[in-house]
Amino acid sequence: MTLSDDLERNLAAAAVAIRTADALLIGAGAGMGVDSGLADFRGPEGFWKA
């Protein structure tokens, strides 16, 4: 077994878990938003002013 095999097996298991889930929750914390293209909370175009 190689690292690649282990990774493929884990990705396949994750895909099954997502596909069979009733819901999916994605959380974004500090440091993830602006760099990912999401609006910040306090800036001039921030979430709280929307």
C-alpha atoms as a PDB file:
ATOM      1  CA  MET A   1       0.000   0.000   0.000  1.00  0.00           C
ATOM      2  CA  THR A   2       1.343   3.431  -0.915  1.00  0.00           C
ATOM      3  CA  LEU A   3       0.481   6.908   0.313  1.00  0.00           C
ATOM      4  CA  SER A   4      -1.358   7.444  -2.970  1.00  0.00           C
ATOM      5  CA  ASP A   5      -3.513   4.347  -2.384  1.00  0.00           C
ATOM      6  CA  ASP A   6      -4.324   5.509   1.129  1.00  0.00           C
ATOM      7  CA  LEU A   7      -5.202   8.988  -0.132  1.00  0.00           C
ATOM      8  CA  GLU A   8      -7.457   7.587  -2.864  1.00  0.00           C
ATOM      9  CA  ARG A   9      -9.230   5.338  -0.363  1.00  0.00           C
ATOM     10  CA  ASN A  10      -9.755   8.242   2.045  1.00  0.00           C
ATOM     11  CA  LEU A  11     -11.040  10.519  -0.731  1.00  0.00           C
ATOM     12  CA  ALA A  12     -13.460   7.823  -1.877  1.00  0.00           C
ATOM     13  CA  ALA A  13     -14.724   7.396   1.690  1.00  0.00           C
ATOM     14  CA  ALA A  14     -15.160  11.172   2.048  1.00  0.00           C
ATOM     15  CA  ALA A  15     -17.076  11.296  -1.250  1.00  0.00           C
ATOM     16  CA  VAL A  16     -19.452   8.588  -0.048  1.00  0.00           C
ATOM     17  CA  ALA A  17     -19.975  10.386   3.268  1.00  0.00           C
ATOM     18  CA  ILE A  18     -20.792  13.663   1.494  1.00  0.00           C
ATOM     19  CA  ARG A  19     -22.996  12.007  -1.115  1.00  0.00           C
ATOM     20  CA  THR A  20     -25.069  10.174   1.506  1.00  0.00           C
ATOM     21  CA  ALA A  21     -25.307  13.025   4.034  1.00  0.00           C
ATOM     22  CA  ASP A  22     -28.643  14.670   4.777  1.00  0.00           C
ATOM     23  CA  ALA A  23     -26.961  18.069   5.066  1.00  0.00           C
ATOM     24  CA  LEU A  24     -23.575  19.681   4.676  1.00  0.00           C
ATOM     25  CA  LEU A  25     -22.268  22.432   6.929  1.00  0.00           C
ATOM     26  CA  ILE A  26     -19.340  24.521   5.756  1.00  0.00           C
ATOM     27  CA  GLY A  27     -17.792  26.778   8.355  1.00  0.00           C
ATOM     28  CA  ALA A  28     -15.485  29.661   7.617  1.00  0.00           C
ATOM     29  CA  GLY A  29     -13.481  31.176  10.429  1.00  0.00           C
ATOM     30  CA  ALA A  30     -11.151  34.079  10.916  1.00  0.00           C
ATOM     31  CA  GLY A  31      -8.615  34.367   8.148  1.00  0.00           C
ATOM     32  CA  MET A  32     -10.602  32.365   5.626  1.00  0.00           C
ATOM     33  CA  GLY A  33     -13.062  34.920   4.276  1.00  0.00           C
ATOM     34  CA  VAL A  34     -11.369  37.813   2.509  1.00  0.00           C
ATOM     35  CA  ASP A  35      -8.591  35.711   0.974  1.00  0.00           C
ATOM     36  CA  SER A  36     -11.250  33.374  -0.395  1.00  0.00           C
ATOM     37  CA  GLY A  37     -13.214  36.202  -1.972  1.00  0.00           C
ATOM     38  CA  LEU A  38     -15.869  36.478   0.728  1.00  0.00           C
ATOM     39  CA  ALA A  39     -16.858  39.878   2.078  1.00  0.00           C
ATOM     40  CA  ASP A  40     -15.416  40.844   5.448  1.00  0.00           C
ATOM     41  CA  PHE A  41     -17.670  41.821   8.342  1.00  0.00           C
ATOM     42  CA  ARG A  42     -16.521  45.334   9.242  1.00  0.00           C
ATOM     43  CA  GLY A  43     -15.089  46.895   6.065  1.00  0.00           C
ATOM     44  CA  PRO A  44     -16.813  49.527   3.895  1.00  0.00           C
ATOM     45  CA  GLU A  45     -18.471  46.780   1.828  1.00  0.00           C
ATOM     46  CA  GLY A  46     -18.700  44.425   4.784  1.00  0.00           C
ATOM     47  CA  PHE A  47     -21.303  41.842   5.622  1.00  0.00           C
ATOM     48  CA  TRP A  48     -22.834  43.909   8.435  1.00  0.00           C
ATOM     49  CA  LYS A  49     -23.566  46.788   6.038  1.00  0.00           C
ATOM     50  CA  ALA A  50     -25.254  44.529   3.451  1.00  0.00           C
END
